[in-house]
Amino acid sequence: MKVLCVGGGTLGSVTPLLAVVEQLKLRQPSIRVEWWGTETGPERELIEAQGISFKVISGGKLRRYLSLENFFDLARILSGFMESLWRFGQSKPDCLLTAGSYVAVPVGWAAYFYGVPVFIHQQDVKLGLANRLLKPVAKVITVVLSESVKDFPSGKVVVTGNPVRSVFEQVPDKETARKKLGLDPARATILIIGGGTGAQAINELVANIKQGLVNIAQVIHLTGPNKKYQEVDLPGYLAISSTNESVTVLVAADLVITRAGMGVLTELSALSKPAVVVPIPDSHQQDNADYFAKSGGVILIPQEELTPGRLLATVSELLGDNEQRNNLGKQLKQLLPPGAAGRVADLVTAEIYKNHEQI
């Protein structure tokens, strides 16, 4: 059995697939996994750390607005399609798994021409362009929320929830996590995270209120790789550009300030963590944030309303109200229940075994 995973550019399209791969290996230890991703995205280090073979594939970003780059990206997409056709002849995977990355579009269509079953996973509330382009060639479509079912053909779509890696099932306690990070194990801790590539707007605001934040609690700030940021030696403030210890930093926190990607929201739900979300304006994250805020799972602050005063006041209020924080964490967990990785893995193995029997 051989599975090809395709995704990258951000970690949002990567971590759910890694969770599914873990479950596939439990069901079939001899399974072989190969990954095709982007050249410049943050995914390669994480994937190779799991012992998975990683290869770069050409792909172009899919823009809905006029730009000269669209012409170059069309050429990259065509190149990725032709390259994928050639690779499929060499690799011969039993199926392809993807979770919405733009780099997966030419690969998915090449898989369809080769007769390789395509599984696409829809994470966000709003259907993204990559999955919109892939749904005609998909064999099975898994979705996180029942609200997404209407966006796909009824015979293909299954509601599974969002896969999360097994490392989130057995985690250290807060005090142990804080000690590992060199922080005070007894002091309240805030985690600020902008996703796998960082969030410049959040970084800039935090730079202006670092002292005010550390007066309230310890701060762990994941700035994101390759982001402009001036490091300052401030007691109680820990800035990290990137880390493979995502579980440690999440567990250490009493409160998380984050973007609204479904990947990080799922990891927060696995740990029942309260969160303040600041979605990227006019993006799929806005729909995610609106959905979870209306359902009582997060506190939403639109980026245009994100001021130093409002953020400090929100953090101070939540850290002083244990009941509200607990309720937020519990509700987020109810909205994104565990077990999704196993459900997706069962669908994948069933399809592969069915194809093998037919052969």
Protein backbone atom coordinates (compact mmCIF):
# COMPACT_ATOMS: atom_id res chain seq x y z
CA MET A 1 0.00 0.00 0.00
CA LYS A 2 1.40 3.38 -0.99
CA VAL A 3 -0.14 6.76 -0.18
CA LEU A 4 0.82 10.10 -1.69
CA CYS A 5 0.12 13.24 0.35
CA VAL A 6 0.22 16.65 -1.30
CA GLY A 7 0.14 19.96 0.55
CA GLY A 8 2.16 22.89 1.76
CA GLY A 9 2.72 26.60 1.57
CA THR A 10 1.26 26.79 5.07
CA LEU A 11 1.02 24.12 7.77
CA GLY A 12 -2.78 24.25 7.71
CA SER A 13 -2.87 21.88 4.74
CA VAL A 14 -0.20 19.64 6.28
CA THR A 15 -1.01 18.76 9.91
CA PRO A 16 -4.38 17.05 9.24
CA LEU A 17 -2.76 14.79 6.65
CA LEU A 18 0.03 13.88 9.07
CA ALA A 19 -2.64 12.85 11.58
CA VAL A 20 -4.28 10.60 8.97
CA VAL A 21 -0.90 9.09 8.05
CA GLU A 22 -0.36 8.14 11.71
CA GLN A 23 -3.65 6.27 11.72
CA LEU A 24 -2.94 4.59 8.39
CA LYS A 25 0.35 3.26 9.76
CA LEU A 26 -1.47 1.82 12.77
CA ARG A 27 -3.82 -0.03 10.44
CA GLN A 28 -1.15 -1.09 7.95
CA PRO A 29 2.41 -0.85 9.39
CA SER A 30 3.99 -1.67 6.03
CA ILE A 31 2.37 1.30 4.31
CA ARG A 32 4.66 3.57 2.30
CA VAL A 33 4.09 7.32 2.33
CA GLU A 34 5.48 9.98 0.00
CA TRP A 35 4.90 13.74 0.23
CA TRP A 36 4.93 16.38 -2.51
CA GLY A 37 5.02 19.98 -1.34
CA THR A 38 6.31 23.48 -2.00
CA GLU A 39 9.90 24.61 -2.25
CA THR A 40 9.63 27.59 0.09
CA GLY A 41 6.84 26.63 2.51
CA PRO A 42 7.36 25.63 6.16
CA GLU A 43 6.22 22.02 5.69
CA ARG A 44 9.41 20.23 4.67
CA GLU A 45 11.10 20.24 8.09
CA LEU A 46 8.00 18.91 9.83
CA ILE A 47 7.38 16.19 7.25
CA GLU A 48 10.95 14.92 7.08
CA ALA A 49 11.04 14.86 10.89
CA GLN A 50 8.33 12.17 10.61
CA GLY A 51 10.59 10.08 8.37
CA ILE A 52 8.46 10.75 5.28
CA SER A 53 10.08 11.17 1.87
CA PHE A 54 9.56 14.76 0.64
CA LYS A 55 9.72 16.02 -2.94
CA VAL A 56 9.13 19.51 -4.33
CA ILE A 57 6.44 19.87 -6.99
CA SER A 58 5.74 22.90 -9.18
CA GLY A 59 2.54 24.80 -8.52
CA GLY A 60 1.07 28.25 -8.90
CA LYS A 61 -0.97 30.22 -6.41
CA LEU A 62 -4.58 30.68 -7.40
CA ARG A 63 -5.63 34.32 -7.28
CA ARG A 64 -9.17 35.63 -7.79
CA TYR A 65 -7.96 39.08 -8.88
CA LEU A 66 -6.06 40.51 -11.86
CA SER A 67 -2.32 40.23 -11.49
CA LEU A 68 0.62 39.77 -13.85
CA GLU A 69 1.71 36.90 -11.58
CA ASN A 70 -1.34 34.93 -12.71
CA PHE A 71 0.26 34.39 -16.13
CA PHE A 72 3.45 33.02 -14.58
CA ASP A 73 1.47 30.87 -12.16
CA LEU A 74 -0.55 29.34 -14.99
CA ALA A 75 2.75 28.18 -16.46
CA ARG A 76 3.77 26.78 -13.07
CA ILE A 77 0.46 24.91 -12.77
CA LEU A 78 0.89 23.39 -16.22
CA SER A 79 4.46 22.46 -15.34
CA GLY A 80 3.24 20.82 -12.12
CA PHE A 81 0.62 18.86 -14.05
CA MET A 82 3.14 17.53 -16.59
CA GLU A 83 5.67 16.77 -13.87
CA SER A 84 2.99 14.90 -11.89
CA LEU A 85 2.03 12.77 -14.89
CA TRP A 86 5.65 11.70 -15.26
CA ARG A 87 6.05 11.02 -11.53
CA PHE A 88 2.88 8.94 -11.29
CA GLY A 89 4.37 6.59 -13.83
CA GLN A 90 7.35 6.12 -11.50
CA SER A 91 5.69 6.32 -8.07
CA LYS A 92 2.42 4.40 -8.66
CA PRO A 93 0.58 5.41 -5.44
CA ASP A 94 -2.67 3.70 -4.42
CA CYS A 95 -4.32 7.01 -3.56
CA LEU A 96 -3.71 10.73 -3.17
CA LEU A 97 -4.59 12.72 -0.03
CA THR A 98 -4.78 16.50 0.10
CA ALA A 99 -6.35 19.15 2.33
CA GLY A 100 -6.76 22.16 0.09
CA SER A 101 -3.30 23.40 -0.84
CA TYR A 102 -2.86 25.22 -4.17
CA VAL A 103 0.08 22.96 -4.97
CA ALA A 104 -2.30 19.97 -4.98
CA VAL A 105 -4.47 21.17 -7.88
CA PRO A 106 -2.25 20.04 -10.81
CA VAL A 107 -1.33 16.84 -8.93
CA GLY A 108 -4.98 15.98 -8.26
CA TRP A 109 -5.91 16.30 -11.93
CA ALA A 110 -2.89 14.23 -12.95
CA ALA A 111 -3.95 11.55 -10.44
CA TYR A 112 -7.43 11.51 -12.01
CA PHE A 113 -5.96 10.89 -15.47
CA TYR A 114 -3.90 8.02 -14.01
CA GLY A 115 -6.95 6.50 -12.28
CA VAL A 116 -5.55 7.13 -8.81
CA PRO A 117 -8.33 7.78 -6.23
CA VAL A 118 -8.23 11.35 -4.94
CA PHE A 119 -9.26 12.16 -1.37
CA ILE A 120 -9.73 15.83 -0.55
CA HIS A 121 -10.34 17.18 2.93
CA GLN A 122 -12.27 20.42 3.38
CA GLN A 123 -11.30 22.12 6.63
CA ASP A 124 -12.64 25.66 6.49
CA VAL A 125 -16.24 26.81 6.73
CA LYS A 126 -15.95 28.43 3.30
CA LEU A 127 -14.97 26.31 0.31
CA GLY A 128 -11.52 27.29 -0.93
CA LEU A 129 -10.57 27.65 -4.57
CA ALA A 130 -8.15 24.69 -4.54
CA ASN A 131 -10.80 22.25 -3.33
CA ARG A 132 -13.38 23.84 -5.64
CA LEU A 133 -11.10 22.96 -8.57
CA LEU A 134 -10.40 19.48 -7.21
CA LYS A 135 -13.92 18.33 -6.35
CA PRO A 136 -14.75 17.16 -9.90
CA VAL A 137 -11.89 14.63 -9.74
CA ALA A 138 -12.31 13.61 -6.07
CA LYS A 139 -13.34 10.06 -5.21
CA VAL A 140 -14.10 10.91 -1.57
CA ILE A 141 -14.48 14.32 0.07
CA THR A 142 -14.24 14.60 3.85
CA VAL A 143 -15.42 17.74 5.64
CA VAL A 144 -14.97 19.10 9.15
CA LEU A 145 -18.41 20.63 9.60
CA SER A 146 -21.89 19.62 8.46
CA GLU A 147 -22.26 23.17 7.07
CA SER A 148 -19.80 22.19 4.31
CA VAL A 149 -21.84 19.28 2.95
CA LYS A 150 -23.88 21.55 0.64
CA ASP A 151 -20.71 22.57 -1.23
CA PHE A 152 -20.04 19.06 -2.59
CA PRO A 153 -21.84 16.25 -4.45
CA SER A 154 -23.85 14.24 -1.91
CA GLY A 155 -22.50 10.89 -3.05
CA LYS A 156 -18.92 11.87 -2.38
CA VAL A 157 -18.99 13.82 0.89
CA VAL A 158 -18.56 12.50 4.45
CA VAL A 159 -18.53 14.54 7.67
CA THR A 160 -15.52 13.42 9.71
CA GLY A 161 -14.31 16.37 11.77
CA ASN A 162 -10.73 17.60 11.49
CA PRO A 163 -7.82 15.16 12.06
CA VAL A 164 -5.35 16.02 14.80
CA ARG A 165 -2.04 14.28 15.49
CA SER A 166 -1.89 11.66 18.25
CA VAL A 167 0.75 13.71 20.08
CA PHE A 168 -2.15 15.83 21.35
CA GLU A 169 -3.73 12.84 23.10
CA GLN A 170 -1.03 12.37 25.76
CA VAL A 171 0.43 15.70 26.79
CA PRO A 172 2.45 17.01 29.74
CA ASP A 173 0.84 19.20 32.37
CA LYS A 174 1.18 23.00 32.24
CA GLU A 175 3.91 23.17 34.84
CA THR A 176 6.10 20.60 33.05
CA ALA A 177 5.60 22.35 29.70
CA ARG A 178 6.54 25.73 31.17
CA LYS A 179 9.67 24.32 32.80
CA LYS A 180 10.71 22.84 29.45
CA LEU A 181 10.45 26.33 27.94
CA GLY A 182 12.41 27.92 30.78
CA LEU A 183 9.37 29.74 32.18
CA ASP A 184 7.96 30.09 35.68
CA PRO A 185 5.79 26.97 36.16
CA ALA A 186 3.44 28.75 38.57
CA ARG A 187 2.75 31.93 36.59
CA ALA A 188 -0.15 32.53 34.17
CA THR A 189 0.98 32.25 30.55
CA ILE A 190 -0.25 33.69 27.25
CA LEU A 191 0.62 32.18 23.87
CA ILE A 192 0.55 34.44 20.81
CA ILE A 193 0.69 32.59 17.50
CA GLY A 194 0.12 33.71 13.95
CA GLY A 195 0.31 30.36 12.16
CA GLY A 196 3.13 28.54 10.41
CA THR A 197 4.26 31.62 8.49
CA GLY A 198 3.59 34.24 11.15
CA ALA A 199 1.32 37.28 11.21
CA GLN A 200 3.04 40.62 10.71
CA ALA A 201 0.10 42.72 11.93
CA ILE A 202 -0.05 40.80 15.21
CA ASN A 203 3.74 40.91 15.59
CA GLU A 204 3.77 44.68 15.20
CA LEU A 205 1.01 45.20 17.75
CA VAL A 206 2.64 42.87 20.27
CA ALA A 207 5.93 44.72 19.84
CA ASN A 208 4.21 47.85 21.14
CA ILE A 209 2.60 46.23 24.19
CA LYS A 210 5.14 43.64 25.32
CA GLN A 211 5.69 45.35 28.64
CA GLY A 212 1.97 45.63 29.32
CA LEU A 213 1.47 41.94 28.54
CA VAL A 214 4.29 40.72 30.79
CA ASN A 215 2.83 42.81 33.60
CA ILE A 216 -0.22 40.55 33.34
CA ALA A 217 1.37 37.18 32.54
CA GLN A 218 4.28 35.37 30.92
CA VAL A 219 4.24 35.57 27.13
CA ILE A 220 5.25 32.99 24.52
CA HIS A 221 5.29 34.64 21.10
CA LEU A 222 5.60 32.53 17.97
CA THR A 223 6.61 35.23 15.51
CA GLY A 224 6.79 33.00 12.42
CA PRO A 225 9.87 32.40 10.24
CA ASN A 226 11.16 35.16 7.97
CA LYS A 227 9.08 37.84 9.64
CA LYS A 228 10.52 41.24 10.48
CA TYR A 229 10.78 41.38 14.24
CA GLN A 230 13.05 43.16 16.69
CA GLU A 231 13.95 40.84 19.54
CA VAL A 232 14.15 42.40 22.99
CA ASP A 233 15.48 40.80 26.16
CA LEU A 234 12.50 41.16 28.48
CA PRO A 235 11.96 38.92 31.52
CA GLY A 236 8.78 36.90 31.16
CA TYR A 237 8.72 37.26 27.37
CA LEU A 238 9.83 34.39 25.10
CA ALA A 239 9.96 35.00 21.33
CA ILE A 240 10.30 31.95 19.05
CA SER A 241 10.43 32.18 15.26
CA SER A 242 9.37 28.56 14.71
CA THR A 243 9.26 25.34 16.69
CA ASN A 244 8.56 21.62 16.39
CA GLU A 245 7.38 21.75 20.02
CA SER A 246 3.89 22.96 19.15
CA VAL A 247 2.32 20.73 21.79
CA THR A 248 4.59 22.11 24.49
CA VAL A 249 3.82 25.76 23.78
CA LEU A 250 0.08 25.11 23.51
CA VAL A 251 -0.05 23.10 26.73
CA ALA A 252 1.92 25.78 28.58
CA ALA A 253 -0.68 28.45 27.82
CA ASP A 254 -3.69 29.54 29.87
CA LEU A 255 -4.88 31.66 26.94
CA VAL A 256 -4.02 31.67 23.23
CA ILE A 257 -4.15 34.61 20.82
CA THR A 258 -4.13 33.30 17.27
CA ARG A 259 -5.24 33.54 13.67
CA ALA A 260 -8.29 31.48 12.73
CA GLY A 261 -6.89 28.68 10.58
CA MET A 262 -8.78 25.43 11.13
CA GLY A 263 -5.56 23.56 11.89
CA VAL A 264 -4.67 25.58 14.96
CA LEU A 265 -8.31 25.75 16.08
CA THR A 266 -8.46 21.94 15.97
CA GLU A 267 -5.30 21.60 18.04
CA LEU A 268 -6.70 24.08 20.56
CA SER A 269 -9.94 22.11 20.74
CA ALA A 270 -8.00 18.90 21.41
CA LEU A 271 -6.48 20.59 24.47
CA SER A 272 -9.67 22.52 25.44
CA LYS A 273 -7.76 25.80 25.26
CA PRO A 274 -9.53 29.17 25.38
CA ALA A 275 -8.64 31.41 22.45
CA VAL A 276 -8.88 34.96 21.18
CA VAL A 277 -8.87 34.83 17.37
CA VAL A 278 -7.79 37.58 14.98
CA PRO A 279 -8.58 36.28 11.47
CA ILE A 280 -6.85 37.45 8.32
CA PRO A 281 -9.26 40.06 6.91
CA ASP A 282 -11.39 39.11 3.89
CA SER A 283 -10.24 35.50 3.94
CA HIS A 284 -11.53 32.01 4.72
CA GLN A 285 -10.36 32.64 8.30
CA GLN A 286 -13.04 35.28 8.72
CA ASP A 287 -15.74 32.68 8.07
CA ASN A 288 -14.09 30.27 10.51
CA ALA A 289 -13.87 32.92 13.20
CA ASP A 290 -17.48 34.04 12.72
CA TYR A 291 -18.74 30.46 12.98
CA PHE A 292 -16.86 29.59 16.16
CA ALA A 293 -17.48 32.96 17.81
CA LYS A 294 -21.26 32.69 17.22
CA SER A 295 -21.13 29.15 18.62
CA GLY A 296 -19.38 30.33 21.78
CA GLY A 297 -16.07 28.57 21.11
CA VAL A 298 -13.75 31.59 20.77
CA ILE A 299 -13.50 35.32 21.37
CA LEU A 300 -13.29 37.19 18.06
CA ILE A 301 -11.42 40.46 17.51
CA PRO A 302 -11.43 41.63 13.87
CA GLN A 303 -7.99 42.83 12.78
CA GLU A 304 -9.32 46.33 12.04
CA GLU A 305 -10.45 46.52 15.68
CA LEU A 306 -7.24 45.08 17.13
CA THR A 307 -5.80 47.93 19.21
CA PRO A 308 -3.29 47.72 22.06
CA GLY A 309 -5.93 48.81 24.54
CA ARG A 310 -8.52 46.28 23.42
CA LEU A 311 -6.09 43.37 23.38
CA LEU A 312 -4.72 44.19 26.83
CA ALA A 313 -8.23 44.58 28.24
CA THR A 314 -9.42 41.30 26.70
CA VAL A 315 -6.40 39.38 27.98
CA SER A 316 -6.71 40.86 31.45
CA GLU A 317 -10.43 40.04 31.63
CA LEU A 318 -10.02 36.44 30.50
CA LEU A 319 -7.06 35.69 32.75
CA GLY A 320 -9.14 36.95 35.67
CA ASP A 321 -12.14 34.79 34.83
CA ASN A 322 -11.37 31.06 35.11
CA GLU A 323 -14.98 30.08 34.45
CA GLN A 324 -15.16 31.94 31.14
CA ARG A 325 -11.87 30.43 29.98
CA ASN A 326 -13.04 26.93 30.90
CA ASN A 327 -16.35 27.41 29.09
CA LEU A 328 -14.59 28.61 25.94
CA GLY A 329 -12.29 25.57 25.93
CA LYS A 330 -15.12 23.10 26.54
CA GLN A 331 -17.32 24.59 23.83
CA LEU A 332 -14.51 24.57 21.26
CA LYS A 333 -13.91 20.89 22.00
CA GLN A 334 -17.60 20.11 21.48
CA LEU A 335 -17.56 21.89 18.12
CA LEU A 336 -14.52 19.89 16.96
CA PRO A 337 -14.79 16.43 18.57
CA PRO A 338 -11.84 13.98 18.52
CA GLY A 339 -11.44 10.85 16.42
CA ALA A 340 -11.46 12.43 12.95
CA ALA A 341 -8.07 11.04 11.89
CA GLY A 342 -9.28 7.49 12.42
CA ARG A 343 -12.49 8.11 10.51
CA VAL A 344 -10.60 9.48 7.50
CA ALA A 345 -8.06 6.63 7.64
CA ASP A 346 -10.88 4.07 7.60
CA LEU A 347 -12.29 5.62 4.43
CA VAL A 348 -8.87 5.61 2.76
CA THR A 349 -8.05 1.99 3.60
CA ALA A 350 -11.51 0.82 2.54
CA GLU A 351 -11.09 2.45 -0.88
CA ILE A 352 -7.60 1.04 -1.39
CA TYR A 353 -8.63 -2.49 -0.41
CA LYS A 354 -11.65 -2.28 -2.72
CA ASN A 355 -9.41 -1.29 -5.63
CA HIS A 356 -6.99 -4.11 -4.89
CA GLU A 357 -9.83 -6.65 -4.86
CA GLN A 358 -11.04 -5.40 -8.22
CA ILE A 359 -7.58 -5.80 -9.68
